[in-house]
Amino acid sequence: MGTSMGKIRSYQWPFTEMMKFSKSFTELQLHDCGIVKMKMVNDFSLLISGGEDGSVFISKINAFSDGIAITDA
């Protein structure tokens, strides 16, 4: 999810019942203005975001399970 303050909000998945009452997301500041568009590539390896000022960020997506990075290797 992109915010009007230029942050990407990443939610923990899968959601659990306990997460209704706790902070279950991380925010990363990427843009200096609001994010107006976000698109993930077909293999879910990259997230492309666009800001109100025309800026574009391409971010690599890393998967984690129990705090350990998951790789294809």
PDB file of N, CA and C in Angstrom:
ATOM      1  N   MET A   1       0.833  -1.156   0.000  1.00  0.00           N
ATOM      2  CA  MET A   1       0.000   0.000   0.000  1.00  0.00           C
ATOM      3  C   MET A   1       0.893   1.239   0.000  1.00  0.00           C
ATOM      4  N   GLY A   2       0.560   2.226  -0.822  1.00  0.00           N
ATOM      5  CA  GLY A   2       1.292   3.480  -0.854  1.00  0.00           C
ATOM      6  C   GLY A   2       0.524   4.551  -0.102  1.00  0.00           C
ATOM      7  N   THR A   3       1.226   5.418   0.606  1.00  0.00           N
ATOM      8  CA  THR A   3       0.561   6.449   1.398  1.00  0.00           C
ATOM      9  C   THR A   3       0.694   7.824   0.740  1.00  0.00           C
ATOM     10  N   SER A   4      -0.089   8.773   1.211  1.00  0.00           N
ATOM     11  CA  SER A   4      -0.036  10.141   0.709  1.00  0.00           C
ATOM     12  C   SER A   4       1.235  10.861   1.166  1.00  0.00           C
ATOM     13  N   MET A   5       1.983  10.250   2.072  1.00  0.00           N
ATOM     14  CA  MET A   5       3.228  10.833   2.573  1.00  0.00           C
ATOM     15  C   MET A   5       4.463  10.214   1.909  1.00  0.00           C
ATOM     16  N   GLY A   6       4.254   9.374   0.878  1.00  0.00           N
ATOM     17  CA  GLY A   6       5.371   8.806   0.133  1.00  0.00           C
ATOM     18  C   GLY A   6       5.946   7.529   0.709  1.00  0.00           C
ATOM     19  N   LYS A   7       5.211   6.881   1.586  1.00  0.00           N
ATOM     20  CA  LYS A   7       5.700   5.645   2.204  1.00  0.00           C
ATOM     21  C   LYS A   7       5.039   4.425   1.572  1.00  0.00           C
ATOM     22  N   ILE A   8       5.793   3.340   1.534  1.00  0.00           N
ATOM     23  CA  ILE A   8       5.268   2.035   1.143  1.00  0.00           C
ATOM     24  C   ILE A   8       4.967   1.293   2.431  1.00  0.00           C
ATOM     25  N   ARG A   9       3.758   0.803   2.563  1.00  0.00           N
ATOM     26  CA  ARG A   9       3.370   0.057   3.762  1.00  0.00           C
ATOM     27  C   ARG A   9       3.295  -1.415   3.394  1.00  0.00           C
ATOM     28  N   SER A  10       4.093  -2.224   4.066  1.00  0.00           N
ATOM     29  CA  SER A  10       4.169  -3.661   3.828  1.00  0.00           C
ATOM     30  C   SER A  10       3.536  -4.389   5.011  1.00  0.00           C
ATOM     31  N   TYR A  11       2.498  -5.157   4.737  1.00  0.00           N
ATOM     32  CA  TYR A  11       1.787  -5.882   5.788  1.00  0.00           C
ATOM     33  C   TYR A  11       2.330  -7.298   5.938  1.00  0.00           C
ATOM     34  N   GLN A  12       2.377  -7.754   7.177  1.00  0.00           N
ATOM     35  CA  GLN A  12       2.777  -9.129   7.467  1.00  0.00           C
ATOM     36  C   GLN A  12       1.695 -10.067   6.945  1.00  0.00           C
ATOM     37  N   TRP A  13       2.110 -11.175   6.362  1.00  0.00           N
ATOM     38  CA  TRP A  13       1.172 -12.136   5.787  1.00  0.00           C
ATOM     39  C   TRP A  13       1.589 -13.529   6.206  1.00  0.00           C
ATOM     40  N   PRO A  14       0.758 -14.433   6.539  1.00  0.00           N
ATOM     41  CA  PRO A  14      -0.699 -14.299   6.536  1.00  0.00           C
ATOM     42  C   PRO A  14      -1.179 -13.573   7.789  1.00  0.00           C
ATOM     43  N   PHE A  15      -2.349 -12.974   7.691  1.00  0.00           N
ATOM     44  CA  PHE A  15      -2.948 -12.294   8.835  1.00  0.00           C
ATOM     45  C   PHE A  15      -3.419 -13.322   9.851  1.00  0.00           C
ATOM     46  N   THR A  16      -3.334 -12.963  11.125  1.00  0.00           N
ATOM     47  CA  THR A  16      -3.851 -13.827  12.183  1.00  0.00           C
ATOM     48  C   THR A  16      -4.842 -13.019  13.015  1.00  0.00           C
ATOM     49  N   GLU A  17      -5.611 -13.693  13.810  1.00  0.00           N
ATOM     50  CA  GLU A  17      -6.607 -13.032  14.660  1.00  0.00           C
ATOM     51  C   GLU A  17      -5.949 -12.027  15.607  1.00  0.00           C
ATOM     52  N   MET A  18      -4.782 -12.366  16.169  1.00  0.00           N
ATOM     53  CA  MET A  18      -4.094 -11.482  17.113  1.00  0.00           C
ATOM     54  C   MET A  18      -3.616 -10.198  16.458  1.00  0.00           C
ATOM     55  N   MET A  19      -3.405 -10.217  15.146  1.00  0.00           N
ATOM     56  CA  MET A  19      -2.860  -9.059  14.448  1.00  0.00           C
ATOM     57  C   MET A  19      -3.866  -7.915  14.353  1.00  0.00           C
ATOM     58  N   LYS A  20      -5.129  -8.174  14.656  1.00  0.00           N
ATOM     59  CA  LYS A  20      -6.134  -7.114  14.638  1.00  0.00           C
ATOM     60  C   LYS A  20      -5.799  -6.018  15.649  1.00  0.00           C
ATOM     61  N   PHE A  21      -5.069  -6.383  16.698  1.00  0.00           N
ATOM     62  CA  PHE A  21      -4.813  -5.464  17.800  1.00  0.00           C
ATOM     63  C   PHE A  21      -3.350  -5.036  17.900  1.00  0.00           C
ATOM     64  N   SER A  22      -2.549  -5.367  16.907  1.00  0.00           N
ATOM     65  CA  SER A  22      -1.136  -5.002  16.962  1.00  0.00           C
ATOM     66  C   SER A  22      -0.704  -4.389  15.627  1.00  0.00           C
ATOM     67  N   LYS A  23       0.439  -3.730  15.646  1.00  0.00           N
ATOM     68  CA  LYS A  23       1.003  -3.169  14.416  1.00  0.00           C
ATOM     69  C   LYS A  23       1.573  -4.326  13.610  1.00  0.00           C
ATOM     70  N   SER A  24       0.954  -4.624  12.494  1.00  0.00           N
ATOM     71  CA  SER A  24       1.375  -5.773  11.692  1.00  0.00           C
ATOM     72  C   SER A  24       1.926  -5.334  10.344  1.00  0.00           C
ATOM     73  N   PHE A  25       2.529  -4.124  10.309  1.00  0.00           N
ATOM     74  CA  PHE A  25       3.078  -3.640   9.054  1.00  0.00           C
ATOM     75  C   PHE A  25       4.371  -2.871   9.294  1.00  0.00           C
ATOM     76  N   THR A  26       5.114  -2.683   8.203  1.00  0.00           N
ATOM     77  CA  THR A  26       6.338  -1.902   8.211  1.00  0.00           C
ATOM     78  C   THR A  26       6.188  -0.816   7.160  1.00  0.00           C
ATOM     79  N   GLU A  27       6.650   0.392   7.450  1.00  0.00           N
ATOM     80  CA  GLU A  27       6.598   1.472   6.471  1.00  0.00           C
ATOM     81  C   GLU A  27       8.011   1.883   6.061  1.00  0.00           C
ATOM     82  N   LEU A  28       8.196   2.062   4.774  1.00  0.00           N
ATOM     83  CA  LEU A  28       9.474   2.510   4.231  1.00  0.00           C
ATOM     84  C   LEU A  28       9.252   3.797   3.458  1.00  0.00           C
ATOM     85  N   GLN A  29      10.046   4.822   3.745  1.00  0.00           N
ATOM     86  CA  GLN A  29       9.941   6.105   3.046  1.00  0.00           C
ATOM     87  C   GLN A  29      10.693   5.997   1.723  1.00  0.00           C
ATOM     88  N   LEU A  30       9.975   6.087   0.601  1.00  0.00           N
ATOM     89  CA  LEU A  30      10.612   6.039  -0.713  1.00  0.00           C
ATOM     90  C   LEU A  30      10.478   7.351  -1.461  1.00  0.00           C
ATOM     91  N   HIS A  31       9.307   7.946  -1.447  1.00  0.00           N
ATOM     92  CA  HIS A  31       9.033   9.150  -2.228  1.00  0.00           C
ATOM     93  C   HIS A  31       8.960  10.377  -1.317  1.00  0.00           C
ATOM     94  N   ASP A  32       9.182  11.551  -1.912  1.00  0.00           N
ATOM     95  CA  ASP A  32       9.053  12.812  -1.182  1.00  0.00           C
ATOM     96  C   ASP A  32       7.649  13.383  -1.269  1.00  0.00           C
ATOM     97  N   CYS A  33       6.759  12.683  -1.955  1.00  0.00           N
ATOM     98  CA  CYS A  33       5.374  13.122  -2.130  1.00  0.00           C
ATOM     99  C   CYS A  33       4.478  11.883  -2.119  1.00  0.00           C
ATOM    100  N   GLY A  34       3.194  12.083  -2.298  1.00  0.00           N
ATOM    101  CA  GLY A  34       2.258  10.972  -2.286  1.00  0.00           C
ATOM    102  C   GLY A  34       2.520   9.962  -3.402  1.00  0.00           C
ATOM    103  N   ILE A  35       2.227   8.708  -3.107  1.00  0.00           N
ATOM    104  CA  ILE A  35       2.353   7.643  -4.099  1.00  0.00           C
ATOM    105  C   ILE A  35       1.014   7.518  -4.815  1.00  0.00           C
ATOM    106  N   VAL A  36       1.055   7.575  -6.138  1.00  0.00           N
ATOM    107  CA  VAL A  36      -0.184   7.543  -6.910  1.00  0.00           C
ATOM    108  C   VAL A  36      -0.392   6.220  -7.648  1.00  0.00           C
ATOM    109  N   LYS A  37       0.672   5.418  -7.799  1.00  0.00           N
ATOM    110  CA  LYS A  37       0.536   4.154  -8.527  1.00  0.00           C
ATOM    111  C   LYS A  37       1.579   3.173  -8.030  1.00  0.00           C
ATOM    112  N   MET A  38       1.160   1.915  -7.900  1.00  0.00           N
ATOM    113  CA  MET A  38       2.084   0.841  -7.551  1.00  0.00           C
ATOM    114  C   MET A  38       1.754  -0.373  -8.406  1.00  0.00           C
ATOM    115  N   LYS A  39       2.790  -1.097  -8.841  1.00  0.00           N
ATOM    116  CA  LYS A  39       2.592  -2.293  -9.653  1.00  0.00           C
ATOM    117  C   LYS A  39       3.677  -3.291  -9.308  1.00  0.00           C
ATOM    118  N   MET A  40       3.268  -4.539  -9.087  1.00  0.00           N
ATOM    119  CA  MET A  40       4.210  -5.611  -8.844  1.00  0.00           C
ATOM    120  C   MET A  40       4.369  -6.389 -10.150  1.00  0.00           C
ATOM    121  N   VAL A  41       5.599  -6.761 -10.499  1.00  0.00           N
ATOM    122  CA  VAL A  41       5.814  -7.530 -11.724  1.00  0.00           C
ATOM    123  C   VAL A  41       5.249  -8.934 -11.547  1.00  0.00           C
ATOM    124  N   ASN A  42       5.044  -9.638 -12.662  1.00  0.00           N
ATOM    125  CA  ASN A  42       4.348 -10.929 -12.653  1.00  0.00           C
ATOM    126  C   ASN A  42       4.954 -11.978 -11.729  1.00  0.00           C
ATOM    127  N   ASP A  43       6.275 -12.000 -11.582  1.00  0.00           N
ATOM    128  CA  ASP A  43       6.890 -13.024 -10.719  1.00  0.00           C
ATOM    129  C   ASP A  43       7.063 -12.541  -9.275  1.00  0.00           C
ATOM    130  N   PHE A  44       6.483 -11.377  -8.939  1.00  0.00           N
ATOM    131  CA  PHE A  44       6.503 -10.810  -7.579  1.00  0.00           C
ATOM    132  C   PHE A  44       7.900 -10.472  -7.072  1.00  0.00           C
ATOM    133  N   SER A  45       8.861 -10.282  -7.977  1.00  0.00           N
ATOM    134  CA  SER A  45      10.228  -9.986  -7.553  1.00  0.00           C
ATOM    135  C   SER A  45      10.508  -8.489  -7.436  1.00  0.00           C
ATOM    136  N   LEU A  46       9.684  -7.654  -8.076  1.00  0.00           N
ATOM    137  CA  LEU A  46       9.903  -6.213  -8.048  1.00  0.00           C
ATOM    138  C   LEU A  46       8.593  -5.474  -7.804  1.00  0.00           C
ATOM    139  N   LEU A  47       8.691  -4.354  -7.097  1.00  0.00           N
ATOM    140  CA  LEU A  47       7.567  -3.450  -6.904  1.00  0.00           C
ATOM    141  C   LEU A  47       7.961  -2.108  -7.513  1.00  0.00           C
ATOM    142  N   ILE A  48       7.132  -1.603  -8.409  1.00  0.00           N
ATOM    143  CA  ILE A  48       7.381  -0.321  -9.052  1.00  0.00           C
ATOM    144  C   ILE A  48       6.364   0.672  -8.503  1.00  0.00           C
ATOM    145  N   SER A  49       6.847   1.809  -8.019  1.00  0.00           N
ATOM    146  CA  SER A  49       5.948   2.820  -7.458  1.00  0.00           C
ATOM    147  C   SER A  49       6.199   4.158  -8.127  1.00  0.00           C
ATOM    148  N   GLY A  50       5.112   4.932  -8.283  1.00  0.00           N
ATOM    149  CA  GLY A  50       5.206   6.243  -8.900  1.00  0.00           C
ATOM    150  C   GLY A  50       4.662   7.310  -7.973  1.00  0.00           C
ATOM    151  N   GLY A  51       5.363   8.434  -7.895  1.00  0.00           N
ATOM    152  CA  GLY A  51       4.957   9.534  -7.028  1.00  0.00           C
ATOM    153  C   GLY A  51       4.237  10.636  -7.781  1.00  0.00           C
ATOM    154  N   GLU A  52       3.569  11.506  -7.020  1.00  0.00           N
ATOM    155  CA  GLU A  52       2.855  12.647  -7.595  1.00  0.00           C
ATOM    156  C   GLU A  52       3.764  13.543  -8.423  1.00  0.00           C
ATOM    157  N   ASP A  53       5.061  13.579  -8.095  1.00  0.00           N
ATOM    158  CA  ASP A  53       6.009  14.446  -8.795  1.00  0.00           C
ATOM    159  C   ASP A  53       6.625  13.784 -10.034  1.00  0.00           C
ATOM    160  N   GLY A  54       6.165  12.581 -10.382  1.00  0.00           N
ATOM    161  CA  GLY A  54       6.692  11.874 -11.546  1.00  0.00           C
ATOM    162  C   GLY A  54       7.861  10.958 -11.237  1.00  0.00           C
ATOM    163  N   SER A  55       8.293  10.903  -9.998  1.00  0.00           N
ATOM    164  CA  SER A  55       9.404  10.012  -9.639  1.00  0.00           C
ATOM    165  C   SER A  55       8.943   8.560  -9.666  1.00  0.00           C
ATOM    166  N   VAL A  56       9.889   7.663  -9.997  1.00  0.00           N
ATOM    167  CA  VAL A  56       9.610   6.230 -10.073  1.00  0.00           C
ATOM    168  C   VAL A  56      10.679   5.496  -9.277  1.00  0.00           C
ATOM    169  N   PHE A  57      10.245   4.560  -8.437  1.00  0.00           N
ATOM    170  CA  PHE A  57      11.168   3.701  -7.706  1.00  0.00           C
ATOM    171  C   PHE A  57      10.901   2.256  -8.094  1.00  0.00           C
ATOM    172  N   ILE A  58      11.974   1.493  -8.276  1.00  0.00           N
ATOM    173  CA  ILE A  58      11.876   0.056  -8.524  1.00  0.00           C
ATOM    174  C   ILE A  58      12.537  -0.624  -7.338  1.00  0.00           C
ATOM    175  N   SER A  59      11.742  -1.390  -6.600  1.00  0.00           N
ATOM    176  CA  SER A  59      12.214  -2.009  -5.358  1.00  0.00           C
ATOM    177  C   SER A  59      12.198  -3.524  -5.485  1.00  0.00           C
ATOM    178  N   LYS A  60      13.289  -4.171  -5.079  1.00  0.00           N
ATOM    179  CA  LYS A  60      13.361  -5.624  -5.070  1.00  0.00           C
ATOM    180  C   LYS A  60      12.557  -6.154  -3.885  1.00  0.00           C
ATOM    181  N   ILE A  61      11.776  -7.194  -4.119  1.00  0.00           N
ATOM    182  CA  ILE A  61      10.966  -7.819  -3.073  1.00  0.00           C
ATOM    183  C   ILE A  61      11.697  -9.049  -2.550  1.00  0.00           C
ATOM    184  N   ASN A  62      11.847  -9.127  -1.239  1.00  0.00           N
ATOM    185  CA  ASN A  62      12.450 -10.294  -0.590  1.00  0.00           C
ATOM    186  C   ASN A  62      11.400 -10.969   0.276  1.00  0.00           C
ATOM    187  N   ALA A  63      11.328 -12.277   0.204  1.00  0.00           N
ATOM    188  CA  ALA A  63      10.387 -13.036   1.023  1.00  0.00           C
ATOM    189  C   ALA A  63      11.096 -13.543   2.282  1.00  0.00           C
ATOM    190  N   PHE A  64      10.375 -13.521   3.404  1.00  0.00           N
ATOM    191  CA  PHE A  64      10.909 -13.999   4.674  1.00  0.00           C
ATOM    192  C   PHE A  64       9.924 -14.970   5.306  1.00  0.00           C
ATOM    193  N   SER A  65      10.444 -15.953   6.008  1.00  0.00           N
ATOM    194  CA  SER A  65       9.633 -16.874   6.784  1.00  0.00           C
ATOM    195  C   SER A  65      10.288 -17.029   8.145  1.00  0.00           C
ATOM    196  N   ASP A  66       9.577 -16.677   9.194  1.00  0.00           N
ATOM    197  CA  ASP A  66      10.106 -16.722  10.560  1.00  0.00           C
ATOM    198  C   ASP A  66      11.413 -15.947  10.688  1.00  0.00           C
ATOM    199  N   GLY A  67      11.502 -14.804   9.994  1.00  0.00           N
ATOM    200  CA  GLY A  67      12.664 -13.946  10.084  1.00  0.00           C
ATOM    201  C   GLY A  67      13.849 -14.367   9.232  1.00  0.00           C
ATOM    202  N   ILE A  68      13.684 -15.415   8.430  1.00  0.00           N
ATOM    203  CA  ILE A  68      14.771 -15.922   7.597  1.00  0.00           C
ATOM    204  C   ILE A  68      14.405 -15.667   6.141  1.00  0.00           C
ATOM    205  N   ALA A  69      15.351 -15.090   5.386  1.00  0.00           N
ATOM    206  CA  ALA A  69      15.096 -14.815   3.971  1.00  0.00           C
ATOM    207  C   ALA A  69      14.940 -16.116   3.197  1.00  0.00           C
ATOM    208  N   ILE A  70      13.939 -16.126   2.318  1.00  0.00           N
ATOM    209  CA  ILE A  70      13.690 -17.290   1.462  1.00  0.00           C
ATOM    210  C   ILE A  70      14.325 -17.018   0.115  1.00  0.00           C
ATOM    211  N   THR A  71      15.129 -17.944  -0.379  1.00  0.00           N
ATOM    212  CA  THR A  71      15.768 -17.787  -1.693  1.00  0.00           C
ATOM    213  C   THR A  71      15.408 -18.969  -2.582  1.00  0.00           C
ATOM    214  N   ASP A  72      15.630 -18.802  -3.874  1.00  0.00           N
ATOM    215  CA  ASP A  72      15.360 -19.869  -4.840  1.00  0.00           C
ATOM    216  C   ASP A  72      16.489 -20.890  -4.903  1.00  0.00           C
ATOM    217  N   ALA A  73      17.592 -20.599  -4.258  1.00  0.00           N
ATOM    218  CA  ALA A  73      18.760 -21.485  -4.345  1.00  0.00           C
ATOM    219  C   ALA A  73      18.564 -22.781  -3.613  1.00  0.00           C
TER     220      ALA A  73
END
